[in-house]
Each structure stands twice: as C-alpha cells, then as structure tokens.
Amino acid sequence: MRGSETEQPGMFSYVRMEARIPADHPLRAIRAMTDAALRGISRRLGALYSHTGRPSIPPEQLLRALVVQILFSVRSERLLMEQLEYNLLFRWFVGLQMDDRVWDVTVFTKNRDRLLEGKVAAAFFEQVIVQARAAGLLSDEHFTVDGTLLEACAGHKSFRPKDGSGSGGASGGERDFHGERRTNDTHASTTDPDARLYKKGAGKEAKLCFLGHAVADNRHGLLVGATTTAATGTAERDTALRMLRRQARRGIRSTTVGADEGYHC
C-alpha cells in the first residue's frame, strides 16, 4: 500500500541522534580519538577561563567543530554554523543536541581566537601524536620534511603600496596594477597585511600566501610536526631545522631525513 505524506512534522523524536550515525562511519573512530585528546588537555583548557561570569562555548565543542571543518573542507566559519543548523552528522560529532542553538559566528570566531592564542591547537596535536606512539604507529627510522603554499584570503588588487599612493583608481576603487613593479618591501595587502607575494619556482604564478611546513614519519605517513610561517625564500629550510630539533626534544629522534631539492642549501 502506498504510504501517505505527512505535512505536519512530529514535535518529538524517539530515535537518538547517536542511533542515526552508521556504526562503521569513519567519524566514529575520529570522535573517539578527539575525545581522548581533549581529556588530555582538559586542565590546560580550564586555565584559559575564569571561574565566574557567563559560560562560553564549551572549548571541547569548539575544537570538535574546527576538526570537522577541516575534515570536510568547510570554507568558512559562517558556512560551518549554517551546516550545524541542519547537518545531524556534524551536530553529533561536535556534541550538540537536537534542540541546542547554534552559536553566532562572531562569538564562535572570538572563542576560536582565544584557543589559538593559548596554543591549545598545538597541545591538541601533541595529544594525537601521543596516541599514535602508544599504538606503535611512529618510528625513529626515517622522516620527510616538506613545505607547501597556503594561499591567503586576499586578492592581488589588495596588494598596494605601503605609502598609500595606490589608493583610489578606476571606478569602484579598483586599479590596474599590470606593468607595475610590486615587491614585499614596498607593497602589502590591505586585506591580510601578513600575507606575502611569493612563488615556488621560476615560471610559477606569484600569489599572496603563507608557507605551511610538515614533518612526516615515512613508515606510516603520519605527521609529527606542522607549523606555518611567512612566505620567504629561506623559510622552508630554516623551519625544517627548527621542527626537527623540536622533535628531538620530544624524544622523536630521526635516524635519517629526506627532503626535495629545495632544501639543498
């Protein structure tokens, strides 16, 4: 018999949100690892907050939201908040109940910045590495260092002279920069002043960007170190040395290290 469509939605659900997530969904394993890492930094999280005043966004939920944003390549926090309104998978992972209100995007961003300033993201990453070592997924044999461009959220038209001579121009405030000599010494982005004009090699397009750096264990392909820096010609090799020294202080001593030809200096 053909079922009839019900126009009036039910007011209550008798199915738990937990039961709606497939038992073999990969986010279940990631959620378990995330919760273990959060327990490891719970005392550090508590030190960032006052014991009085209005409750903030729970830092555990905030960090889970950032994890799911990265895993699913959600391009902005505003879009992430929109997804949390109706995406049951995201709500379950973050720890929001069906009736919980989603945070205002500005409040979310301010709380995110507090965690980053408190170096909580780095501590969270350290806890993930601890889990990998406990599971025997890290070795001391061979590591690889590498860097990549991280394109800034800034366009070429925002890259203007620092002395202000580039303000104004054509209709709408835009200007034609073609044929103009532009360098990081004389120009800066009005959208993201920390971004630098950089290209990876000859013949490549120059972009406003930063550099991301990583150290990976070759046996299992797991990252054991990651950081970002300004985009400069020496940043890759200088940062690689700093990260390897940092791994040694943490007890991860690499027997050999591999790198591409950009590190030949």
C-alpha atoms as a PDB file:
ATOM      1  CA  MET A   1       0.000   0.000   0.000  1.00  0.00           C
ATOM      2  CA  ARG A   2       1.284   3.442  -0.862  1.00  0.00           C
ATOM      3  CA  GLY A   3       2.200   5.496   2.205  1.00  0.00           C
ATOM      4  CA  SER A   4       0.768   8.967   2.552  1.00  0.00           C
ATOM      5  CA  GLU A   5       2.947  12.024   3.015  1.00  0.00           C
ATOM      6  CA  THR A   6       2.561  13.731   6.380  1.00  0.00           C
ATOM      7  CA  GLU A   7       2.572  17.513   6.193  1.00  0.00           C
ATOM      8  CA  GLN A   8       2.690  18.175   9.945  1.00  0.00           C
ATOM      9  CA  PRO A   9       6.123  17.323  11.417  1.00  0.00           C
ATOM     10  CA  GLY A  10       6.306  15.492  14.705  1.00  0.00           C
ATOM     11  CA  MET A  11       7.225  17.504  17.783  1.00  0.00           C
ATOM     12  CA  PHE A  12       9.335  14.770  19.347  1.00  0.00           C
ATOM     13  CA  SER A  13      11.752  12.162  18.063  1.00  0.00           C
ATOM     14  CA  TYR A  14      12.023   8.727  19.648  1.00  0.00           C
ATOM     15  CA  VAL A  15      15.307   7.948  17.856  1.00  0.00           C
ATOM     16  CA  ARG A  16      18.522   9.097  19.493  1.00  0.00           C
ATOM     17  CA  MET A  17      20.907  11.075  17.299  1.00  0.00           C
ATOM     18  CA  GLU A  18      23.601   8.523  18.173  1.00  0.00           C
ATOM     19  CA  ALA A  19      21.481   5.801  16.529  1.00  0.00           C
ATOM     20  CA  ARG A  20      21.297   7.753  13.262  1.00  0.00           C
ATOM     21  CA  ILE A  21      25.079   7.607  12.732  1.00  0.00           C
ATOM     22  CA  PRO A  22      26.175   4.359  10.990  1.00  0.00           C
ATOM     23  CA  ALA A  23      28.228   2.093  13.238  1.00  0.00           C
ATOM     24  CA  ASP A  24      31.018   1.871  10.654  1.00  0.00           C
ATOM     25  CA  HIS A  25      31.166   5.593   9.858  1.00  0.00           C
ATOM     26  CA  PRO A  26      34.814   6.806   9.904  1.00  0.00           C
ATOM     27  CA  LEU A  27      33.899   9.807  12.068  1.00  0.00           C
ATOM     28  CA  ARG A  28      33.155   7.443  14.972  1.00  0.00           C
ATOM     29  CA  ALA A  29      36.826   6.455  15.256  1.00  0.00           C
ATOM     30  CA  ILE A  30      37.909  10.075  14.796  1.00  0.00           C
ATOM     31  CA  ARG A  31      35.460  11.180  17.501  1.00  0.00           C
ATOM     32  CA  ALA A  32      36.945   8.646  19.940  1.00  0.00           C
ATOM     33  CA  MET A  33      40.488   9.893  19.226  1.00  0.00           C
ATOM     34  CA  THR A  34      39.347  13.509  19.502  1.00  0.00           C
ATOM     35  CA  ASP A  35      37.691  12.907  22.878  1.00  0.00           C
ATOM     36  CA  ALA A  36      40.826  11.187  24.193  1.00  0.00           C
ATOM     37  CA  ALA A  37      42.962  14.153  23.084  1.00  0.00           C
ATOM     38  CA  LEU A  38      40.532  16.600  24.715  1.00  0.00           C
ATOM     39  CA  ARG A  39      40.719  14.729  28.012  1.00  0.00           C
ATOM     40  CA  GLY A  40      44.500  15.050  27.856  1.00  0.00           C
ATOM     41  CA  ILE A  41      44.341  18.864  27.621  1.00  0.00           C
ATOM     42  CA  SER A  42      41.349  19.418  29.915  1.00  0.00           C
ATOM     43  CA  ARG A  43      43.444  21.059  32.640  1.00  0.00           C
ATOM     44  CA  ARG A  44      45.035  23.403  30.102  1.00  0.00           C
ATOM     45  CA  LEU A  45      41.611  24.379  28.780  1.00  0.00           C
ATOM     46  CA  GLY A  46      40.399  25.153  32.275  1.00  0.00           C
ATOM     47  CA  ALA A  47      43.307  27.532  32.869  1.00  0.00           C
ATOM     48  CA  LEU A  48      42.129  29.738  29.975  1.00  0.00           C
ATOM     49  CA  TYR A  49      38.740  30.536  31.519  1.00  0.00           C
ATOM     50  CA  SER A  50      37.525  32.430  34.558  1.00  0.00           C
ATOM     51  CA  HIS A  51      35.576  30.651  37.296  1.00  0.00           C
ATOM     52  CA  THR A  52      32.895  33.367  37.249  1.00  0.00           C
ATOM     53  CA  GLY A  53      30.822  35.098  34.601  1.00  0.00           C
ATOM     54  CA  ARG A  54      28.698  33.839  31.740  1.00  0.00           C
ATOM     55  CA  PRO A  55      29.507  30.403  30.316  1.00  0.00           C
ATOM     56  CA  SER A  56      31.324  30.475  26.990  1.00  0.00           C
ATOM     57  CA  ILE A  57      31.161  27.986  24.151  1.00  0.00           C
ATOM     58  CA  PRO A  58      32.492  24.723  25.638  1.00  0.00           C
ATOM     59  CA  PRO A  59      36.069  24.508  24.332  1.00  0.00           C
ATOM     60  CA  GLU A  60      35.632  20.792  23.643  1.00  0.00           C
ATOM     61  CA  GLN A  61      32.760  21.545  21.264  1.00  0.00           C
ATOM     62  CA  LEU A  62      34.708  24.388  19.702  1.00  0.00           C
ATOM     63  CA  LEU A  63      37.688  22.165  18.932  1.00  0.00           C
ATOM     64  CA  ARG A  64      35.481  19.395  17.552  1.00  0.00           C
ATOM     65  CA  ALA A  65      33.811  21.961  15.300  1.00  0.00           C
ATOM     66  CA  LEU A  66      37.220  23.035  13.986  1.00  0.00           C
ATOM     67  CA  VAL A  67      38.152  19.387  13.367  1.00  0.00           C
ATOM     68  CA  VAL A  68      35.003  18.708  11.355  1.00  0.00           C
ATOM     69  CA  GLN A  69      35.509  21.960   9.429  1.00  0.00           C
ATOM     70  CA  ILE A  70      38.963  20.789   8.357  1.00  0.00           C
ATOM     71  CA  LEU A  71      37.904  17.208   7.580  1.00  0.00           C
ATOM     72  CA  PHE A  72      35.029  18.294   5.330  1.00  0.00           C
ATOM     73  CA  SER A  73      36.780  21.391   3.874  1.00  0.00           C
ATOM     74  CA  VAL A  74      34.081  23.810   5.009  1.00  0.00           C
ATOM     75  CA  ARG A  75      35.454  27.026   3.573  1.00  0.00           C
ATOM     76  CA  SER A  76      34.256  29.497   6.224  1.00  0.00           C
ATOM     77  CA  GLU A  77      33.035  29.591   9.797  1.00  0.00           C
ATOM     78  CA  ARG A  78      29.795  31.205   8.672  1.00  0.00           C
ATOM     79  CA  LEU A  79      29.117  28.224   6.424  1.00  0.00           C
ATOM     80  CA  LEU A  80      30.112  25.890   9.268  1.00  0.00           C
ATOM     81  CA  MET A  81      27.466  27.451  11.523  1.00  0.00           C
ATOM     82  CA  GLU A  82      24.927  27.011   8.721  1.00  0.00           C
ATOM     83  CA  GLN A  83      25.869  23.333   8.399  1.00  0.00           C
ATOM     84  CA  LEU A  84      25.489  22.814  12.140  1.00  0.00           C
ATOM     85  CA  GLU A  85      21.888  24.022  11.885  1.00  0.00           C
ATOM     86  CA  TYR A  86      20.738  21.064   9.800  1.00  0.00           C
ATOM     87  CA  ASN A  87      23.558  18.518   9.458  1.00  0.00           C
ATOM     88  CA  LEU A  88      22.911  15.791  12.036  1.00  0.00           C
ATOM     89  CA  LEU A  89      26.331  14.201  11.451  1.00  0.00           C
ATOM     90  CA  PHE A  90      28.102  17.470  12.258  1.00  0.00           C
ATOM     91  CA  ARG A  91      25.871  18.064  15.299  1.00  0.00           C
ATOM     92  CA  TRP A  92      26.623  14.608  16.652  1.00  0.00           C
ATOM     93  CA  PHE A  93      30.374  14.972  16.168  1.00  0.00           C
ATOM     94  CA  VAL A  94      30.510  18.407  17.788  1.00  0.00           C
ATOM     95  CA  GLY A  95      28.298  17.324  20.706  1.00  0.00           C
ATOM     96  CA  LEU A  96      25.216  19.464  20.072  1.00  0.00           C
ATOM     97  CA  GLN A  97      21.793  18.068  20.890  1.00  0.00           C
ATOM     98  CA  MET A  98      18.854  18.319  18.513  1.00  0.00           C
ATOM     99  CA  ASP A  99      17.395  21.365  20.285  1.00  0.00           C
ATOM    100  CA  ASP A 100      20.668  23.189  21.022  1.00  0.00           C
ATOM    101  CA  ARG A 101      21.042  26.579  19.378  1.00  0.00           C
ATOM    102  CA  VAL A 102      23.961  27.073  17.033  1.00  0.00           C
ATOM    103  CA  TRP A 103      26.410  29.793  18.076  1.00  0.00           C
ATOM    104  CA  ASP A 104      26.640  33.192  16.486  1.00  0.00           C
ATOM    105  CA  VAL A 105      29.541  33.166  14.033  1.00  0.00           C
ATOM    106  CA  THR A 106      31.202  36.220  15.643  1.00  0.00           C
ATOM    107  CA  VAL A 107      31.081  34.614  19.088  1.00  0.00           C
ATOM    108  CA  PHE A 108      32.485  31.403  17.619  1.00  0.00           C
ATOM    109  CA  THR A 109      35.376  33.273  15.977  1.00  0.00           C
ATOM    110  CA  LYS A 110      36.289  35.174  19.159  1.00  0.00           C
ATOM    111  CA  ASN A 111      36.334  31.970  21.204  1.00  0.00           C
ATOM    112  CA  ARG A 112      38.394  30.279  18.480  1.00  0.00           C
ATOM    113  CA  ASP A 113      40.980  33.037  18.647  1.00  0.00           C
ATOM    114  CA  ARG A 114      41.231  32.609  22.441  1.00  0.00           C
ATOM    115  CA  LEU A 115      42.156  28.951  21.994  1.00  0.00           C
ATOM    116  CA  LEU A 116      44.709  29.704  19.288  1.00  0.00           C
ATOM    117  CA  GLU A 117      46.339  32.393  21.415  1.00  0.00           C
ATOM    118  CA  GLY A 118      46.536  29.894  24.278  1.00  0.00           C
ATOM    119  CA  LYS A 119      48.341  27.434  21.965  1.00  0.00           C
ATOM    120  CA  VAL A 120      45.600  24.889  22.553  1.00  0.00           C
ATOM    121  CA  ALA A 121      45.663  23.700  18.939  1.00  0.00           C
ATOM    122  CA  ALA A 122      49.335  22.719  19.327  1.00  0.00           C
ATOM    123  CA  ALA A 123      48.590  20.920  22.605  1.00  0.00           C
ATOM    124  CA  PHE A 124      45.700  19.081  20.923  1.00  0.00           C
ATOM    125  CA  PHE A 125      48.037  17.965  18.130  1.00  0.00           C
ATOM    126  CA  GLU A 126      50.557  16.735  20.704  1.00  0.00           C
ATOM    127  CA  GLN A 127      47.884  14.547  22.275  1.00  0.00           C
ATOM    128  CA  VAL A 128      47.128  12.979  18.891  1.00  0.00           C
ATOM    129  CA  ILE A 129      50.832  12.187  18.498  1.00  0.00           C
ATOM    130  CA  VAL A 130      50.821  10.580  21.970  1.00  0.00           C
ATOM    131  CA  GLN A 131      48.014   8.275  20.836  1.00  0.00           C
ATOM    132  CA  ALA A 132      49.915   7.366  17.663  1.00  0.00           C
ATOM    133  CA  ARG A 133      53.053   6.494  19.657  1.00  0.00           C
ATOM    134  CA  ALA A 134      51.030   4.397  22.116  1.00  0.00           C
ATOM    135  CA  ALA A 135      49.574   2.453  19.177  1.00  0.00           C
ATOM    136  CA  GLY A 136      53.056   1.819  17.739  1.00  0.00           C
ATOM    137  CA  LEU A 137      52.411   3.966  14.675  1.00  0.00           C
ATOM    138  CA  LEU A 138      55.577   6.072  14.919  1.00  0.00           C
ATOM    139  CA  SER A 139      59.154   5.031  14.295  1.00  0.00           C
ATOM    140  CA  ASP A 140      62.565   6.645  14.693  1.00  0.00           C
ATOM    141  CA  GLU A 141      63.875   5.469  11.337  1.00  0.00           C
ATOM    142  CA  HIS A 142      63.171   7.935   8.558  1.00  0.00           C
ATOM    143  CA  PHE A 143      61.270  11.209   8.314  1.00  0.00           C
ATOM    144  CA  THR A 144      60.440  13.596   5.492  1.00  0.00           C
ATOM    145  CA  VAL A 145      60.202  17.389   5.634  1.00  0.00           C
ATOM    146  CA  ASP A 146      58.354  19.493   3.117  1.00  0.00           C
ATOM    147  CA  GLY A 147      56.597  22.817   2.656  1.00  0.00           C
ATOM    148  CA  THR A 148      53.600  23.993   0.697  1.00  0.00           C
ATOM    149  CA  LEU A 149      51.927  27.252  -0.238  1.00  0.00           C
ATOM    150  CA  LEU A 150      48.869  28.284   1.764  1.00  0.00           C
ATOM    151  CA  GLU A 151      47.003  30.824  -0.314  1.00  0.00           C
ATOM    152  CA  ALA A 152      45.813  33.813   1.703  1.00  0.00           C
ATOM    153  CA  CYS A 153      42.226  35.056   1.602  1.00  0.00           C
ATOM    154  CA  ALA A 154      43.386  38.188  -0.205  1.00  0.00           C
ATOM    155  CA  GLY A 155      43.333  39.182  -3.858  1.00  0.00           C
ATOM    156  CA  HIS A 156      46.037  40.805  -5.964  1.00  0.00           C
ATOM    157  CA  LYS A 157      44.105  44.074  -6.050  1.00  0.00           C
ATOM    158  CA  SER A 158      44.538  44.382  -2.288  1.00  0.00           C
ATOM    159  CA  PHE A 159      48.346  44.355  -2.678  1.00  0.00           C
ATOM    160  CA  ARG A 160      49.010  48.095  -2.667  1.00  0.00           C
ATOM    161  CA  PRO A 161      51.928  50.437  -1.935  1.00  0.00           C
ATOM    162  CA  LYS A 162      52.652  50.862   1.759  1.00  0.00           C
ATOM    163  CA  ASP A 163      52.955  54.640   1.373  1.00  0.00           C
ATOM    164  CA  GLY A 164      49.297  54.894   0.341  1.00  0.00           C
ATOM    165  CA  SER A 165      49.967  56.029  -3.209  1.00  0.00           C
ATOM    166  CA  GLY A 166      47.942  53.160  -4.598  1.00  0.00           C
ATOM    167  CA  SER A 167      44.625  54.227  -3.064  1.00  0.00           C
ATOM    168  CA  GLY A 168      41.871  55.234  -5.415  1.00  0.00           C
ATOM    169  CA  GLY A 169      41.938  54.499  -9.114  1.00  0.00           C
ATOM    170  CA  ALA A 170      39.287  53.411 -11.525  1.00  0.00           C
ATOM    171  CA  SER A 171      35.571  53.244 -10.842  1.00  0.00           C
ATOM    172  CA  GLY A 172      34.656  51.262  -7.738  1.00  0.00           C
ATOM    173  CA  GLY A 173      38.055  51.932  -6.177  1.00  0.00           C
ATOM    174  CA  GLU A 174      39.784  49.323  -8.359  1.00  0.00           C
ATOM    175  CA  ARG A 175      43.062  49.959 -10.103  1.00  0.00           C
ATOM    176  CA  ASP A 176      45.091  48.390 -12.875  1.00  0.00           C
ATOM    177  CA  PHE A 177      48.340  47.020 -11.378  1.00  0.00           C
ATOM    178  CA  HIS A 178      49.611  45.354 -14.571  1.00  0.00           C
ATOM    179  CA  GLY A 179      53.091  46.540 -15.504  1.00  0.00           C
ATOM    180  CA  GLU A 180      53.662  47.920 -12.006  1.00  0.00           C
ATOM    181  CA  ARG A 181      56.705  46.660 -10.113  1.00  0.00           C
ATOM    182  CA  ARG A 182      55.473  45.240  -6.835  1.00  0.00           C
ATOM    183  CA  THR A 183      57.607  43.775  -4.064  1.00  0.00           C
ATOM    184  CA  ASN A 184      57.014  42.768  -0.459  1.00  0.00           C
ATOM    185  CA  ASP A 185      59.286  45.621   0.655  1.00  0.00           C
ATOM    186  CA  THR A 186      57.165  48.309  -0.960  1.00  0.00           C
ATOM    187  CA  HIS A 187      53.687  46.736  -1.023  1.00  0.00           C
ATOM    188  CA  ALA A 188      51.359  44.993   1.423  1.00  0.00           C
ATOM    189  CA  SER A 189      47.878  43.547   1.270  1.00  0.00           C
ATOM    190  CA  THR A 190      45.157  45.730   2.762  1.00  0.00           C
ATOM    191  CA  THR A 191      43.096  42.582   3.398  1.00  0.00           C
ATOM    192  CA  ASP A 192      45.795  40.474   5.082  1.00  0.00           C
ATOM    193  CA  PRO A 193      48.955  42.518   5.837  1.00  0.00           C
ATOM    194  CA  ASP A 194      50.871  39.392   6.953  1.00  0.00           C
ATOM    195  CA  ALA A 195      50.492  37.701   3.553  1.00  0.00           C
ATOM    196  CA  ARG A 196      53.451  37.967   1.200  1.00  0.00           C
ATOM    197  CA  LEU A 197      53.681  37.781  -2.589  1.00  0.00           C
ATOM    198  CA  TYR A 198      55.556  34.547  -3.300  1.00  0.00           C
ATOM    199  CA  LYS A 199      56.026  31.849  -5.931  1.00  0.00           C
ATOM    200  CA  LYS A 200      57.503  28.378  -5.566  1.00  0.00           C
ATOM    201  CA  GLY A 201      59.696  28.459  -8.669  1.00  0.00           C
ATOM    202  CA  ALA A 202      60.569  30.071 -11.977  1.00  0.00           C
ATOM    203  CA  GLY A 203      57.599  30.367 -14.314  1.00  0.00           C
ATOM    204  CA  LYS A 204      55.125  29.866 -11.486  1.00  0.00           C
ATOM    205  CA  GLU A 205      52.377  32.332 -10.661  1.00  0.00           C
ATOM    206  CA  ALA A 206      53.088  34.617  -7.709  1.00  0.00           C
ATOM    207  CA  LYS A 207      50.368  34.543  -5.055  1.00  0.00           C
ATOM    208  CA  LEU A 208      49.621  36.224  -1.761  1.00  0.00           C
ATOM    209  CA  CYS A 209      50.260  33.381   0.613  1.00  0.00           C
ATOM    210  CA  PHE A 210      51.916  31.828   3.635  1.00  0.00           C
ATOM    211  CA  LEU A 211      54.038  28.685   3.866  1.00  0.00           C
ATOM    212  CA  GLY A 212      52.932  25.512   5.607  1.00  0.00           C
ATOM    213  CA  HIS A 213      55.611  23.107   6.861  1.00  0.00           C
ATOM    214  CA  ALA A 214      55.341  19.472   7.941  1.00  0.00           C
ATOM    215  CA  VAL A 215      57.466  16.606   9.255  1.00  0.00           C
ATOM    216  CA  ALA A 216      56.101  13.141   8.472  1.00  0.00           C
ATOM    217  CA  ASP A 217      57.070   9.653   9.620  1.00  0.00           C
ATOM    218  CA  ASN A 218      57.739   7.648   6.458  1.00  0.00           C
ATOM    219  CA  ARG A 219      56.724   4.269   7.810  1.00  0.00           C
ATOM    220  CA  HIS A 220      53.074   5.162   8.412  1.00  0.00           C
ATOM    221  CA  GLY A 221      52.835   8.577   6.724  1.00  0.00           C
ATOM    222  CA  LEU A 222      51.746  10.342   9.904  1.00  0.00           C
ATOM    223  CA  LEU A 223      52.583  13.956  10.609  1.00  0.00           C
ATOM    224  CA  VAL A 224      54.604  14.524  13.771  1.00  0.00           C
ATOM    225  CA  GLY A 225      55.116  18.260  13.324  1.00  0.00           C
ATOM    226  CA  ALA A 226      53.420  21.108  11.497  1.00  0.00           C
ATOM    227  CA  THR A 227      53.611  24.888  11.517  1.00  0.00           C
ATOM    228  CA  THR A 228      53.068  27.955   9.331  1.00  0.00           C
ATOM    229  CA  THR A 229      55.378  30.867   8.578  1.00  0.00           C
ATOM    230  CA  ALA A 230      55.618  33.909   6.368  1.00  0.00           C
ATOM    231  CA  ALA A 231      56.486  33.077   2.766  1.00  0.00           C
ATOM    232  CA  THR A 232      60.193  33.750   2.276  1.00  0.00           C
ATOM    233  CA  GLY A 233      62.961  32.146   0.259  1.00  0.00           C
ATOM    234  CA  THR A 234      64.659  30.608   3.310  1.00  0.00           C
ATOM    235  CA  ALA A 235      61.589  29.727   5.374  1.00  0.00           C
ATOM    236  CA  GLU A 236      61.377  26.083   4.273  1.00  0.00           C
ATOM    237  CA  ARG A 237      64.884  25.001   5.255  1.00  0.00           C
ATOM    238  CA  ASP A 238      65.054  27.190   8.384  1.00  0.00           C
ATOM    239  CA  THR A 239      61.720  25.909   9.652  1.00  0.00           C
ATOM    240  CA  ALA A 240      62.603  22.300   8.844  1.00  0.00           C
ATOM    241  CA  LEU A 241      65.665  22.517  11.107  1.00  0.00           C
ATOM    242  CA  ARG A 242      63.621  24.059  13.925  1.00  0.00           C
ATOM    243  CA  MET A 243      60.947  21.367  13.671  1.00  0.00           C
ATOM    244  CA  LEU A 244      63.499  18.545  13.688  1.00  0.00           C
ATOM    245  CA  ARG A 245      65.166  19.999  16.788  1.00  0.00           C
ATOM    246  CA  ARG A 246      61.734  20.238  18.424  1.00  0.00           C
ATOM    247  CA  GLN A 247      61.039  16.562  17.618  1.00  0.00           C
ATOM    248  CA  ALA A 248      64.372  15.603  19.191  1.00  0.00           C
ATOM    249  CA  ARG A 249      63.469  17.428  22.418  1.00  0.00           C
ATOM    250  CA  ARG A 250      60.212  15.452  22.499  1.00  0.00           C
ATOM    251  CA  GLY A 251      62.095  12.168  22.209  1.00  0.00           C
ATOM    252  CA  ILE A 252      61.444  11.591  18.477  1.00  0.00           C
ATOM    253  CA  ARG A 253      64.965  11.305  17.055  1.00  0.00           C
ATOM    254  CA  SER A 254      65.068  10.614  13.325  1.00  0.00           C
ATOM    255  CA  THR A 255      67.884   8.426  12.021  1.00  0.00           C
ATOM    256  CA  THR A 256      67.598   9.910   8.524  1.00  0.00           C
ATOM    257  CA  VAL A 257      65.594  12.749   6.996  1.00  0.00           C
ATOM    258  CA  GLY A 258      64.500  13.154   3.372  1.00  0.00           C
ATOM    259  CA  ALA A 259      63.713  16.399   1.551  1.00  0.00           C
ATOM    260  CA  ASP A 260      63.316  17.635  -2.006  1.00  0.00           C
ATOM    261  CA  GLU A 261      65.859  19.726  -3.943  1.00  0.00           C
ATOM    262  CA  GLY A 262      64.514  22.954  -2.449  1.00  0.00           C
ATOM    263  CA  TYR A 263      66.399  22.084   0.762  1.00  0.00           C
ATOM    264  CA  HIS A 264      69.799  21.561  -0.889  1.00  0.00           C
ATOM    265  CA  CYS A 265      71.206  24.667   0.824  1.00  0.00           C
END
